[in-house]
Amino acid sequence: MRLTGNFIALIVFAAAAVIYFIFNPAVTSFFPNCPFYSLTGFYCPGCGSQRAIHQLLHGNIIAASGYNVLLVLSLPVLLYAMMATVYKTVKGTYGKWDLIYKPWFPKAVLIVVLSFWLLRNLPFYPFTLLAPHN
């Protein structure tokens, strides 16, 4: 049986999900720390994502949001992107409502990520809520 790139990616994704389900990054030391935070003391857009993934895999959406709300809010977009990709693969064409292939979509994602990055580092309420809690 010949393994395709998608099948290998699925296996890696499943293995990562099992690891993040079993081990809690908040208490397990073998998960890497954020290099950006370690060097600068500022949160990057991904800070808290490992802990958020662990919480999401256990069904704790509120706890996951406390670690990285952007990750939690992006899940419907990621699901939509996966469905659009499957549709394109099966049908051979883009769907009528396929937004992820529009030229403005990556620009909008970049603006959202950069805004989140800036706002979560502001040291006053309500922006302190965006920082990952420990």
C-alpha atoms as a PDB file:
ATOM      1  CA  MET A   1       0.000   0.000   0.000  1.00  0.00           C
ATOM      2  CA  ARG A   2       1.372   3.371  -1.012  1.00  0.00           C
ATOM      3  CA  LEU A   3       1.071   6.141   1.570  1.00  0.00           C
ATOM      4  CA  THR A   4      -0.016   9.509   0.258  1.00  0.00           C
ATOM      5  CA  GLY A   5       0.880  12.852   1.783  1.00  0.00           C
ATOM      6  CA  ASN A   6      -2.664  13.326   3.083  1.00  0.00           C
ATOM      7  CA  PHE A   7      -2.649   9.936   4.801  1.00  0.00           C
ATOM      8  CA  ILE A   8       0.694  10.631   6.460  1.00  0.00           C
ATOM      9  CA  ALA A   9      -0.573  14.056   7.589  1.00  0.00           C
ATOM     10  CA  LEU A  10      -3.662  12.374   9.054  1.00  0.00           C
ATOM     11  CA  ILE A  11      -1.518   9.909  11.006  1.00  0.00           C
ATOM     12  CA  VAL A  12       0.710  12.711  12.352  1.00  0.00           C
ATOM     13  CA  PHE A  13      -2.363  14.760  13.279  1.00  0.00           C
ATOM     14  CA  ALA A  14      -3.955  11.801  15.087  1.00  0.00           C
ATOM     15  CA  ALA A  15      -0.720  11.027  16.959  1.00  0.00           C
ATOM     16  CA  ALA A  16      -0.400  14.661  18.047  1.00  0.00           C
ATOM     17  CA  ALA A  17      -4.023  14.645  19.208  1.00  0.00           C
ATOM     18  CA  VAL A  18      -3.401  11.536  21.316  1.00  0.00           C
ATOM     19  CA  ILE A  19      -0.296  13.110  22.876  1.00  0.00           C
ATOM     20  CA  TYR A  20      -2.129  16.359  23.645  1.00  0.00           C
ATOM     21  CA  PHE A  21      -5.085  14.419  25.033  1.00  0.00           C
ATOM     22  CA  ILE A  22      -2.977  12.309  27.393  1.00  0.00           C
ATOM     23  CA  PHE A  23      -0.406  14.879  28.501  1.00  0.00           C
ATOM     24  CA  ASN A  24      -1.346  18.282  29.905  1.00  0.00           C
ATOM     25  CA  PRO A  25       1.128  20.921  28.660  1.00  0.00           C
ATOM     26  CA  ALA A  26       0.341  23.038  31.738  1.00  0.00           C
ATOM     27  CA  VAL A  27       1.978  20.438  34.010  1.00  0.00           C
ATOM     28  CA  THR A  28       4.203  18.383  31.684  1.00  0.00           C
ATOM     29  CA  SER A  29       7.692  19.737  31.095  1.00  0.00           C
ATOM     30  CA  PHE A  30       8.533  18.080  27.752  1.00  0.00           C
ATOM     31  CA  PHE A  31       6.390  20.485  25.714  1.00  0.00           C
ATOM     32  CA  PRO A  32       8.415  23.385  24.308  1.00  0.00           C
ATOM     33  CA  ASN A  33       8.014  26.892  25.678  1.00  0.00           C
ATOM     34  CA  CYS A  34       7.239  29.719  23.289  1.00  0.00           C
ATOM     35  CA  PRO A  35      10.585  31.048  22.041  1.00  0.00           C
ATOM     36  CA  PHE A  36       9.123  34.507  21.343  1.00  0.00           C
ATOM     37  CA  TYR A  37       7.774  34.819  24.889  1.00  0.00           C
ATOM     38  CA  SER A  38      11.006  33.425  26.337  1.00  0.00           C
ATOM     39  CA  LEU A  39      13.077  36.040  24.488  1.00  0.00           C
ATOM     40  CA  THR A  40      10.823  39.093  24.755  1.00  0.00           C
ATOM     41  CA  GLY A  41       8.342  38.562  27.589  1.00  0.00           C
ATOM     42  CA  PHE A  42       5.514  39.354  25.154  1.00  0.00           C
ATOM     43  CA  TYR A  43       2.829  36.891  24.055  1.00  0.00           C
ATOM     44  CA  CYS A  44       2.737  35.773  20.434  1.00  0.00           C
ATOM     45  CA  PRO A  45      -0.589  34.915  18.742  1.00  0.00           C
ATOM     46  CA  GLY A  46       0.070  31.220  19.450  1.00  0.00           C
ATOM     47  CA  CYS A  47       0.937  31.513  23.148  1.00  0.00           C
ATOM     48  CA  GLY A  48      -1.329  29.236  25.160  1.00  0.00           C
ATOM     49  CA  SER A  49      -2.264  27.110  22.135  1.00  0.00           C
ATOM     50  CA  GLN A  50      -0.800  23.866  23.492  1.00  0.00           C
ATOM     51  CA  ARG A  51      -2.771  24.197  26.717  1.00  0.00           C
ATOM     52  CA  ALA A  52      -5.863  25.266  24.747  1.00  0.00           C
ATOM     53  CA  ILE A  53      -5.625  22.193  22.489  1.00  0.00           C
ATOM     54  CA  HIS A  54      -5.407  19.936  25.546  1.00  0.00           C
ATOM     55  CA  GLN A  55      -8.507  21.580  27.016  1.00  0.00           C
ATOM     56  CA  LEU A  56     -10.407  21.385  23.717  1.00  0.00           C
ATOM     57  CA  LEU A  57      -9.665  17.678  23.395  1.00  0.00           C
ATOM     58  CA  HIS A  58     -11.230  17.259  26.835  1.00  0.00           C
ATOM     59  CA  GLY A  59     -14.281  19.336  25.840  1.00  0.00           C
ATOM     60  CA  ASN A  60     -13.405  22.351  28.010  1.00  0.00           C
ATOM     61  CA  ILE A  61     -14.131  25.208  25.615  1.00  0.00           C
ATOM     62  CA  ILE A  62     -14.196  27.902  28.316  1.00  0.00           C
ATOM     63  CA  ALA A  63     -10.830  26.805  29.744  1.00  0.00           C
ATOM     64  CA  ALA A  64      -9.371  26.628  26.225  1.00  0.00           C
ATOM     65  CA  SER A  65     -10.597  30.167  25.548  1.00  0.00           C
ATOM     66  CA  GLY A  66      -8.731  31.338  28.634  1.00  0.00           C
ATOM     67  CA  TYR A  67      -5.488  30.105  27.121  1.00  0.00           C
ATOM     68  CA  ASN A  68      -5.952  31.236  23.502  1.00  0.00           C
ATOM     69  CA  VAL A  69      -9.317  32.618  22.444  1.00  0.00           C
ATOM     70  CA  LEU A  70      -8.155  33.151  18.843  1.00  0.00           C
ATOM     71  CA  LEU A  71      -7.456  29.437  18.475  1.00  0.00           C
ATOM     72  CA  VAL A  72     -10.928  28.564  19.754  1.00  0.00           C
ATOM     73  CA  LEU A  73     -12.649  31.156  17.559  1.00  0.00           C
ATOM     74  CA  SER A  74     -10.699  30.017  14.483  1.00  0.00           C
ATOM     75  CA  LEU A  75     -11.928  26.411  14.710  1.00  0.00           C
ATOM     76  CA  PRO A  76     -15.101  27.021  12.654  1.00  0.00           C
ATOM     77  CA  VAL A  77     -12.982  28.757   9.990  1.00  0.00           C
ATOM     78  CA  LEU A  78     -10.539  25.831   9.945  1.00  0.00           C
ATOM     79  CA  LEU A  79     -13.423  23.352   9.678  1.00  0.00           C
ATOM     80  CA  TYR A  80     -14.887  25.387   6.826  1.00  0.00           C
ATOM     81  CA  ALA A  81     -11.487  25.446   5.085  1.00  0.00           C
ATOM     82  CA  MET A  82     -11.183  21.661   5.382  1.00  0.00           C
ATOM     83  CA  MET A  83     -14.692  21.170   3.983  1.00  0.00           C
ATOM     84  CA  ALA A  84     -13.963  23.589   1.110  1.00  0.00           C
ATOM     85  CA  THR A  85     -10.772  21.697   0.294  1.00  0.00           C
ATOM     86  CA  VAL A  86     -12.604  18.362   0.274  1.00  0.00           C
ATOM     87  CA  TYR A  87     -15.316  19.870  -1.940  1.00  0.00           C
ATOM     88  CA  LYS A  88     -12.687  21.164  -4.375  1.00  0.00           C
ATOM     89  CA  THR A  89     -10.956  17.766  -4.391  1.00  0.00           C
ATOM     90  CA  VAL A  90     -14.194  15.862  -5.035  1.00  0.00           C
ATOM     91  CA  LYS A  91     -15.866  18.278  -7.458  1.00  0.00           C
ATOM     92  CA  GLY A  92     -12.715  19.624  -9.100  1.00  0.00           C
ATOM     93  CA  THR A  93     -13.893  23.204  -8.753  1.00  0.00           C
ATOM     94  CA  TYR A  94     -14.443  25.864  -6.141  1.00  0.00           C
ATOM     95  CA  GLY A  95     -17.810  26.091  -4.447  1.00  0.00           C
ATOM     96  CA  LYS A  96     -20.057  29.108  -4.830  1.00  0.00           C
ATOM     97  CA  TRP A  97     -19.463  30.167  -1.213  1.00  0.00           C
ATOM     98  CA  ASP A  98     -15.788  29.247  -1.042  1.00  0.00           C
ATOM     99  CA  LEU A  99     -14.318  32.229   0.787  1.00  0.00           C
ATOM    100  CA  ILE A 100     -10.888  30.830   1.603  1.00  0.00           C
ATOM    101  CA  TYR A 101      -9.779  31.125  -2.016  1.00  0.00           C
ATOM    102  CA  LYS A 102     -10.803  34.778  -2.322  1.00  0.00           C
ATOM    103  CA  PRO A 103      -7.868  37.224  -2.596  1.00  0.00           C
ATOM    104  CA  TRP A 104      -8.981  39.206   0.462  1.00  0.00           C
ATOM    105  CA  PHE A 105      -9.170  36.192   2.808  1.00  0.00           C
ATOM    106  CA  PRO A 106      -5.440  35.863   3.662  1.00  0.00           C
ATOM    107  CA  LYS A 107      -5.264  39.634   4.193  1.00  0.00           C
ATOM    108  CA  ALA A 108      -8.195  39.488   6.602  1.00  0.00           C
ATOM    109  CA  VAL A 109      -6.590  36.590   8.501  1.00  0.00           C
ATOM    110  CA  LEU A 110      -3.322  38.529   8.736  1.00  0.00           C
ATOM    111  CA  ILE A 111      -5.115  41.608  10.102  1.00  0.00           C
ATOM    112  CA  VAL A 112      -6.965  39.523  12.706  1.00  0.00           C
ATOM    113  CA  VAL A 113      -3.800  37.705  13.841  1.00  0.00           C
ATOM    114  CA  LEU A 114      -1.702  40.881  14.047  1.00  0.00           C
ATOM    115  CA  SER A 115      -4.486  42.707  15.920  1.00  0.00           C
ATOM    116  CA  PHE A 116      -4.812  39.826  18.388  1.00  0.00           C
ATOM    117  CA  TRP A 117      -1.032  39.804  18.842  1.00  0.00           C
ATOM    118  CA  LEU A 118      -0.980  43.505  19.662  1.00  0.00           C
ATOM    119  CA  LEU A 119      -4.102  43.600  21.841  1.00  0.00           C
ATOM    120  CA  ARG A 120      -3.198  40.596  24.017  1.00  0.00           C
ATOM    121  CA  ASN A 121      -0.005  42.363  25.080  1.00  0.00           C
ATOM    122  CA  LEU A 122      -1.679  45.578  26.251  1.00  0.00           C
ATOM    123  CA  PRO A 123      -1.311  45.723  30.054  1.00  0.00           C
ATOM    124  CA  PHE A 124      -4.787  46.984  30.919  1.00  0.00           C
ATOM    125  CA  TYR A 125      -8.351  45.679  31.132  1.00  0.00           C
ATOM    126  CA  PRO A 126     -10.111  44.334  29.039  1.00  0.00           C
ATOM    127  CA  PHE A 127      -7.109  43.364  26.902  1.00  0.00           C
ATOM    128  CA  THR A 128      -5.463  41.492  29.762  1.00  0.00           C
ATOM    129  CA  LEU A 129      -8.245  38.927  29.288  1.00  0.00           C
ATOM    130  CA  LEU A 130      -6.652  37.979  25.951  1.00  0.00           C
ATOM    131  CA  ALA A 131      -3.366  36.962  27.589  1.00  0.00           C
ATOM    132  CA  PRO A 132      -3.111  33.260  28.428  1.00  0.00           C
ATOM    133  CA  HIS A 133      -3.857  32.612  32.073  1.00  0.00           C
ATOM    134  CA  ASN A 134      -1.472  30.412  33.994  1.00  0.00           C
END
